[in-house]
């Protein structure tokens, strides 16, 4: 367990944990609010006034983060303002281990009992209420790992997955055991479990969408995933174009465009989105204070600083310089036990 003097950044260590027991009694509530917010990214946390207790265990499995939380009642809200100033692109798959919960997202409400699973998306507003002491086991994964359209992602949130469905009965105990074992897995086993988890979670998503889960992706989906991985590896290349992608995969440019239609976005927009995401992450880091905005933009393949600033503003509601100057954190500083390094030395 980590000490009460420091809360891990979200993303954190390969395996980490912390507890209110290590914080002074008078500061436990503030410590816990910040701990949860850092674990699941920026959220507003409301906890009771009386003495508060809670523990968190977090472990990294491949590209997944697996988190177990056990704590007293609370409310968590993610607002448009926090989303605009955040860096996460995660989808969360949450198993209600003990107690009950209510989730609001995408104009839907989900009431969860122990053993039930729910999806929610950190890129859109939501609210979760836990009226009593509870335990949750969550998998945090990049949304793009599921290979779903944006419109499909919005359809699967806040709809409980019961254990009386075939996949629900299979995935619920799997997620529970995955969370219990995640911190002790060797890397190669962790990678294998992560791949299995993504396959099962993808199956759950297809079930929510009323589709037959498939054992393996079709040829088009495999090619699309390969192209997306290629794009990620070459984001810094300003000459990355649909033609370059097509030649690297021995297909026509027309076929590249056809496959990206599945994403509800053109290939050019996809490249721009991924570059913006990486620039946003880099500008939120403390060392960004030592780099110009233009240098960060060039590092990720933008050739015009003015164009970069325009598309960044349009995507996130603030300029790159404003984003860098708040250190990627829309909240005022001063939370107990948190390092202030992210907020220090970020002059223009």
Protein backbone atom coordinates (compact mmCIF):
# COMPACT_ATOMS: atom_id res chain seq x y z
CA UNK A 1 0.00 0.00 0.00
CA UNK A 2 1.20 3.48 -0.72
CA UNK A 3 1.53 5.91 2.14
CA UNK A 4 -1.03 8.57 2.89
CA UNK A 5 1.38 11.30 1.79
CA UNK A 6 1.10 10.57 -1.92
CA UNK A 7 -1.70 9.47 -4.21
CA UNK A 8 -0.66 7.83 -7.48
CA UNK A 9 -1.35 9.64 -10.75
CA UNK A 10 -4.02 7.94 -12.84
CA UNK A 11 -2.33 5.38 -15.02
CA UNK A 12 -0.08 4.90 -12.02
CA UNK A 13 2.34 2.11 -11.29
CA UNK A 14 2.08 -1.45 -12.61
CA UNK A 15 0.60 -2.37 -9.22
CA UNK A 16 -0.39 0.10 -6.52
CA UNK A 17 -2.83 0.65 -3.71
CA UNK A 18 -3.74 3.11 -0.99
CA UNK A 19 -6.03 3.49 1.97
CA UNK A 20 -7.60 6.18 4.10
CA UNK A 21 -6.10 4.38 7.11
CA UNK A 22 -2.76 5.96 6.22
CA UNK A 23 -4.16 9.52 6.22
CA UNK A 24 -4.82 11.64 9.35
CA UNK A 25 -8.44 11.34 10.47
CA UNK A 26 -9.19 15.00 9.83
CA UNK A 27 -7.98 14.77 6.24
CA UNK A 28 -9.37 11.44 5.15
CA UNK A 29 -12.32 12.82 3.18
CA UNK A 30 -10.17 15.23 1.18
CA UNK A 31 -7.54 12.55 0.63
CA UNK A 32 -10.15 10.06 -0.56
CA UNK A 33 -11.80 12.50 -2.96
CA UNK A 34 -8.46 13.19 -4.59
CA UNK A 35 -7.46 9.52 -4.61
CA UNK A 36 -10.60 8.45 -6.46
CA UNK A 37 -10.36 11.35 -8.86
CA UNK A 38 -6.77 10.48 -9.71
CA UNK A 39 -7.58 6.80 -10.13
CA UNK A 40 -10.54 7.21 -12.48
CA UNK A 41 -9.47 10.65 -13.89
CA UNK A 42 -10.99 14.02 -13.02
CA UNK A 43 -14.36 13.67 -11.27
CA UNK A 44 -16.11 15.68 -8.59
CA UNK A 45 -16.49 13.46 -5.52
CA UNK A 46 -18.99 14.01 -2.71
CA UNK A 47 -18.49 11.95 0.46
CA UNK A 48 -20.31 12.02 3.84
CA UNK A 49 -19.27 14.32 6.67
CA UNK A 50 -18.66 11.52 9.16
CA UNK A 51 -15.46 9.48 9.43
CA UNK A 52 -14.69 7.98 6.05
CA UNK A 53 -12.87 4.79 5.12
CA UNK A 54 -11.86 3.21 1.86
CA UNK A 55 -9.20 1.18 0.06
CA UNK A 56 -8.13 0.96 -3.57
CA UNK A 57 -6.01 -1.66 -5.35
CA UNK A 58 -4.90 -0.93 -8.90
CA UNK A 59 -2.84 -2.99 -11.32
CA UNK A 60 -1.79 -2.67 -14.95
CA UNK A 61 -2.51 -5.55 -17.33
CA UNK A 62 -1.21 -4.77 -20.80
CA UNK A 63 -3.16 -1.70 -21.93
CA UNK A 64 -5.80 -2.21 -19.25
CA UNK A 65 -5.96 -0.86 -15.71
CA UNK A 66 -7.82 -3.05 -13.21
CA UNK A 67 -9.08 -1.34 -10.06
CA UNK A 68 -10.83 -2.65 -6.94
CA UNK A 69 -12.48 -0.09 -4.67
CA UNK A 70 -14.10 -0.76 -1.30
CA UNK A 71 -15.44 2.25 0.56
CA UNK A 72 -18.34 4.01 2.25
CA UNK A 73 -21.13 5.82 0.39
CA UNK A 74 -20.24 8.48 -2.16
CA UNK A 75 -21.34 10.33 -5.28
CA UNK A 76 -19.10 10.85 -8.33
CA UNK A 77 -19.89 13.35 -11.10
CA UNK A 78 -17.98 13.98 -14.32
CA UNK A 79 -18.98 17.30 -15.86
CA UNK A 80 -18.44 18.74 -19.36
CA UNK A 81 -15.93 21.17 -17.84
CA UNK A 82 -13.82 18.36 -16.40
CA UNK A 83 -14.05 16.40 -19.65
CA UNK A 84 -12.84 19.39 -21.67
CA UNK A 85 -9.79 19.68 -19.43
CA UNK A 86 -9.04 15.97 -19.11
CA UNK A 87 -6.85 13.61 -21.08
CA UNK A 88 -8.58 10.26 -20.73
CA UNK A 89 -10.15 8.34 -23.61
CA UNK A 90 -11.17 5.44 -21.37
CA UNK A 91 -14.24 3.30 -21.28
CA UNK A 92 -14.91 1.73 -17.88
CA UNK A 93 -16.44 -1.70 -17.40
CA UNK A 94 -17.58 -1.91 -13.78
CA UNK A 95 -18.64 -4.96 -11.82
CA UNK A 96 -20.71 -4.23 -8.75
CA UNK A 97 -19.10 -6.56 -6.22
CA UNK A 98 -21.05 -5.59 -3.09
CA UNK A 99 -23.79 -3.08 -2.35
CA UNK A 100 -25.89 -1.19 -4.89
CA UNK A 101 -25.31 1.75 -7.24
CA UNK A 102 -27.05 4.07 -9.67
CA UNK A 103 -25.44 5.37 -12.89
CA UNK A 104 -26.73 8.17 -15.12
CA UNK A 105 -25.28 8.64 -18.62
CA UNK A 106 -26.57 9.32 -22.12
CA UNK A 107 -30.11 10.06 -20.84
CA UNK A 108 -30.34 6.63 -19.17
CA UNK A 109 -30.33 5.40 -15.58
CA UNK A 110 -28.94 2.05 -14.48
CA UNK A 111 -29.60 0.53 -11.05
CA UNK A 112 -26.97 -2.06 -10.19
CA UNK A 113 -27.08 -4.98 -7.80
CA UNK A 114 -24.15 -7.15 -6.72
CA UNK A 115 -22.81 -9.24 -9.60
CA UNK A 116 -24.08 -6.92 -12.35
CA UNK A 117 -21.89 -5.14 -14.90
CA UNK A 118 -22.22 -1.74 -16.58
CA UNK A 119 -20.31 0.29 -19.18
CA UNK A 120 -19.69 4.01 -18.85
CA UNK A 121 -17.63 6.39 -20.93
CA UNK A 122 -15.22 8.90 -19.39
CA UNK A 123 -15.40 11.15 -22.47
CA UNK A 124 -19.06 12.05 -21.74
CA UNK A 125 -20.81 13.41 -18.64
CA UNK A 126 -22.09 10.95 -16.08
CA UNK A 127 -23.03 10.58 -12.43
CA UNK A 128 -22.71 7.60 -10.09
CA UNK A 129 -24.36 7.27 -6.67
CA UNK A 130 -23.37 4.67 -4.08
CA UNK A 131 -25.81 5.03 -1.15
CA UNK A 132 -24.07 2.52 1.11
CA UNK A 133 -20.74 0.83 1.72
CA UNK A 134 -19.81 -1.01 -1.45
CA UNK A 135 -17.17 -2.78 -3.48
CA UNK A 136 -16.56 -2.35 -7.20
CA UNK A 137 -14.14 -4.03 -9.59
CA UNK A 138 -13.43 -2.04 -12.74
CA UNK A 139 -11.52 -2.44 -15.98
CA UNK A 140 -10.33 0.81 -17.57
CA UNK A 141 -9.48 0.48 -21.25
CA UNK A 142 -8.99 2.82 -24.21
CA UNK A 143 -12.29 3.07 -26.05
CA UNK A 144 -10.71 2.28 -29.40
CA UNK A 145 -9.74 -1.23 -28.25
CA UNK A 146 -13.36 -2.32 -28.73
CA UNK A 147 -13.36 -1.21 -32.37
CA UNK A 148 -16.87 0.28 -32.08
CA UNK A 149 -18.34 3.31 -33.79
CA UNK A 150 -18.93 6.39 -31.65
CA UNK A 151 -22.68 5.96 -32.06
CA UNK A 152 -22.42 2.35 -30.83
CA UNK A 153 -20.37 3.36 -27.79
CA UNK A 154 -23.17 5.73 -26.80
CA UNK A 155 -25.72 2.91 -27.00
CA UNK A 156 -24.01 0.52 -24.58
CA UNK A 157 -23.60 2.82 -21.57
CA UNK A 158 -25.80 2.78 -18.46
CA UNK A 159 -27.54 -0.49 -19.35
CA UNK A 160 -27.05 -3.18 -16.66
CA UNK A 161 -25.74 -6.56 -17.76
CA UNK A 162 -27.35 -9.18 -15.56
CA UNK A 163 -26.00 -12.57 -14.63
CA UNK A 164 -29.03 -14.27 -16.18
CA UNK A 165 -27.57 -13.71 -19.66
CA UNK A 166 -25.08 -16.19 -21.10
CA UNK A 167 -22.22 -13.72 -21.39
CA UNK A 168 -23.11 -11.91 -18.17
CA UNK A 169 -22.90 -15.18 -16.24
CA UNK A 170 -19.47 -15.83 -17.77
CA UNK A 171 -17.94 -12.35 -17.59
CA UNK A 172 -19.05 -11.36 -14.08
CA UNK A 173 -16.95 -13.99 -12.24
CA UNK A 174 -14.12 -13.54 -14.76
CA UNK A 175 -13.86 -9.80 -13.99
CA UNK A 176 -14.00 -10.52 -10.26
CA UNK A 177 -11.15 -13.03 -10.42
CA UNK A 178 -9.20 -10.84 -12.84
CA UNK A 179 -9.28 -7.98 -10.34
CA UNK A 180 -8.22 -10.27 -7.49
CA UNK A 181 -5.26 -11.70 -9.42
CA UNK A 182 -4.13 -8.67 -11.44
CA UNK A 183 -1.52 -7.42 -8.99
CA UNK A 184 0.37 -10.72 -8.87
CA UNK A 185 0.47 -11.66 -12.57
CA UNK A 186 3.80 -11.91 -14.43
CA UNK A 187 3.86 -9.56 -17.45
CA UNK A 188 3.34 -12.28 -20.07
CA UNK A 189 0.36 -13.70 -18.17
CA UNK A 190 -1.01 -10.19 -17.67
CA UNK A 191 -0.86 -9.54 -21.41
CA UNK A 192 -2.70 -12.79 -22.12
CA UNK A 193 -5.40 -12.01 -19.55
CA UNK A 194 -5.78 -8.51 -20.97
CA UNK A 195 -6.39 -9.89 -24.47
CA UNK A 196 -8.95 -12.33 -23.13
CA UNK A 197 -10.64 -9.55 -21.17
CA UNK A 198 -10.89 -7.32 -24.25
CA UNK A 199 -12.42 -10.21 -26.25
CA UNK A 200 -15.04 -10.86 -23.55
CA UNK A 201 -15.80 -7.17 -23.07
CA UNK A 202 -16.20 -6.79 -26.84
CA UNK A 203 -18.63 -9.69 -26.77
CA UNK A 204 -20.62 -7.97 -24.02
CA UNK A 205 -20.74 -4.79 -26.07
CA UNK A 206 -22.07 -6.68 -29.11
CA UNK A 207 -24.69 -8.33 -26.91
CA UNK A 208 -25.80 -4.88 -25.67
CA UNK A 209 -26.11 -3.79 -29.30
CA UNK A 210 -28.30 -6.78 -30.13
CA UNK A 211 -25.68 -8.40 -32.32
CA UNK A 212 -24.30 -11.89 -32.30
CA UNK A 213 -20.89 -11.83 -30.58
CA UNK A 214 -18.23 -13.11 -32.94
CA UNK A 215 -15.41 -15.39 -31.94
CA UNK A 216 -12.90 -13.42 -33.97
CA UNK A 217 -13.01 -10.20 -36.00
CA UNK A 218 -13.57 -10.43 -39.74
CA UNK A 219 -10.93 -9.61 -42.31
CA UNK A 220 -12.09 -5.99 -42.63
CA UNK A 221 -11.94 -5.45 -38.88
CA UNK A 222 -8.48 -6.99 -38.65
CA UNK A 223 -7.23 -4.74 -41.44
CA UNK A 224 -8.78 -1.68 -39.81
CA UNK A 225 -7.13 -2.47 -36.48
CA UNK A 226 -3.79 -2.94 -38.24
CA UNK A 227 -4.14 0.41 -39.96
CA UNK A 228 -5.02 2.14 -36.70
CA UNK A 229 -1.93 0.63 -35.08
CA UNK A 230 0.16 1.78 -38.07
CA UNK A 231 -1.22 5.30 -37.69
CA UNK A 232 -0.33 5.34 -34.00
CA UNK A 233 3.25 4.31 -34.81
CA UNK A 234 3.62 7.04 -37.45
CA UNK A 235 1.69 9.96 -35.95
CA UNK A 236 4.86 12.06 -35.81
CA UNK A 237 5.32 11.80 -39.58
CA UNK A 238 3.77 14.90 -41.20
CA UNK A 239 3.63 13.00 -44.50
CA UNK A 240 1.31 10.32 -43.11
CA UNK A 241 -1.52 10.13 -45.65
CA UNK A 242 -4.14 7.62 -46.80
CA UNK A 243 -1.79 6.79 -49.68
CA UNK A 244 1.07 5.96 -47.30
CA UNK A 245 -1.26 3.79 -45.22
CA UNK A 246 -2.56 2.01 -48.32
CA UNK A 247 0.92 1.23 -49.66
CA UNK A 248 2.09 -0.08 -46.27
CA UNK A 249 -0.82 -2.55 -46.23
CA UNK A 250 -0.83 -3.41 -49.95
CA UNK A 251 -4.38 -2.18 -50.49
CA UNK A 252 -5.99 0.65 -52.46
CA UNK A 253 -6.61 4.12 -51.09
CA UNK A 254 -10.29 3.61 -51.86
CA UNK A 255 -10.32 0.54 -49.60
CA UNK A 256 -8.69 2.56 -46.80
CA UNK A 257 -11.51 5.10 -47.02
CA UNK A 258 -14.12 2.34 -47.11
CA UNK A 259 -12.81 0.69 -43.94
CA UNK A 260 -12.68 3.96 -42.02
CA UNK A 261 -16.34 4.56 -42.80
CA UNK A 262 -16.95 2.00 -40.03
CA UNK A 263 -15.53 4.54 -37.56
CA UNK A 264 -18.00 7.31 -38.48
CA UNK A 265 -14.94 9.41 -39.37
CA UNK A 266 -12.66 9.88 -42.36
CA UNK A 267 -9.11 8.58 -42.19
CA UNK A 268 -7.80 12.15 -42.19
CA UNK A 269 -9.99 13.08 -39.25
CA UNK A 270 -8.89 9.95 -37.41
CA UNK A 271 -5.22 10.90 -37.83
CA UNK A 272 -5.97 14.43 -36.64
CA UNK A 273 -7.92 13.14 -33.63
CA UNK A 274 -5.09 10.85 -32.57
CA UNK A 275 -2.51 13.64 -32.98
CA UNK A 276 -4.63 15.98 -30.89
CA UNK A 277 -4.97 13.34 -28.16
CA UNK A 278 -1.21 12.87 -27.98
CA UNK A 279 -0.56 16.63 -27.99
CA UNK A 280 -3.11 17.07 -25.22
CA UNK A 281 -1.41 14.41 -23.09
CA UNK A 282 2.04 15.89 -23.67
CA UNK A 283 0.94 19.45 -22.89
CA UNK A 284 -0.52 18.25 -19.57
CA UNK A 285 2.85 16.94 -18.36
CA UNK A 286 5.06 19.11 -16.10
CA UNK A 287 7.91 19.12 -18.59
CA UNK A 288 5.64 20.78 -21.18
CA UNK A 289 6.52 24.10 -19.54
CA UNK A 290 9.96 23.83 -21.16
CA UNK A 291 8.57 23.36 -24.68
CA UNK A 292 6.71 25.73 -26.95
CA UNK A 293 3.25 24.79 -28.14
CA UNK A 294 4.58 24.81 -31.70
CA UNK A 295 7.30 22.30 -30.78
CA UNK A 296 4.75 19.90 -29.29
CA UNK A 297 2.58 20.26 -32.38
CA UNK A 298 5.52 19.50 -34.69
CA UNK A 299 6.48 16.51 -32.56
CA UNK A 300 3.11 14.92 -33.37
CA UNK A 301 3.00 15.69 -37.08
CA UNK A 302 1.32 19.11 -37.28
CA UNK A 303 3.10 21.36 -39.78
CA UNK A 304 1.27 24.60 -38.94
CA UNK A 305 1.12 25.96 -35.39
CA UNK A 306 -1.83 28.18 -36.31
CA UNK A 307 -3.80 25.25 -37.73
CA UNK A 308 -2.97 23.16 -34.66
CA UNK A 309 -4.22 25.89 -32.32
CA UNK A 310 -7.49 26.20 -34.26
CA UNK A 311 -8.29 22.49 -34.29
CA UNK A 312 -7.22 22.07 -30.63
CA UNK A 313 -9.54 24.92 -29.59
CA UNK A 314 -12.39 23.42 -31.59
CA UNK A 315 -11.88 19.97 -30.08
CA UNK A 316 -11.32 20.87 -26.41
CA UNK A 317 -12.78 24.33 -25.87
CA UNK A 318 -9.52 26.03 -24.93
CA UNK A 319 -6.26 26.94 -26.61
CA UNK A 320 -3.19 24.68 -26.33
CA UNK A 321 -1.44 27.35 -24.25
CA UNK A 322 -4.40 27.59 -21.84
CA UNK A 323 -4.44 23.81 -21.53
CA UNK A 324 -0.70 23.70 -20.82
CA UNK A 325 -0.92 26.51 -18.27
CA UNK A 326 -3.47 24.64 -16.13
CA UNK A 327 -1.39 21.49 -16.38
CA UNK A 328 -4.32 19.49 -17.76
CA UNK A 329 -6.12 19.91 -14.44
CA UNK A 330 -9.26 21.99 -14.32
CA UNK A 331 -9.51 21.89 -10.55
CA UNK A 332 -7.88 24.32 -8.13
CA UNK A 333 -4.76 22.97 -6.43
CA UNK A 334 -4.20 22.14 -2.80
CA UNK A 335 -5.72 18.68 -2.32
CA UNK A 336 -4.17 16.81 0.63
CA UNK A 337 -1.42 14.40 -0.20
CA UNK A 338 -1.08 15.32 -3.88
CA UNK A 339 2.17 16.36 -5.47
CA UNK A 340 2.00 19.90 -6.84
CA UNK A 341 4.57 19.21 -9.54
CA UNK A 342 1.93 19.17 -12.27
CA UNK A 343 0.94 22.72 -11.39
CA UNK A 344 4.42 24.11 -10.88
CA UNK A 345 6.49 26.03 -13.39
CA UNK A 346 4.01 26.25 -16.23
CA UNK A 347 4.54 29.81 -17.39
CA UNK A 348 4.02 30.62 -21.04
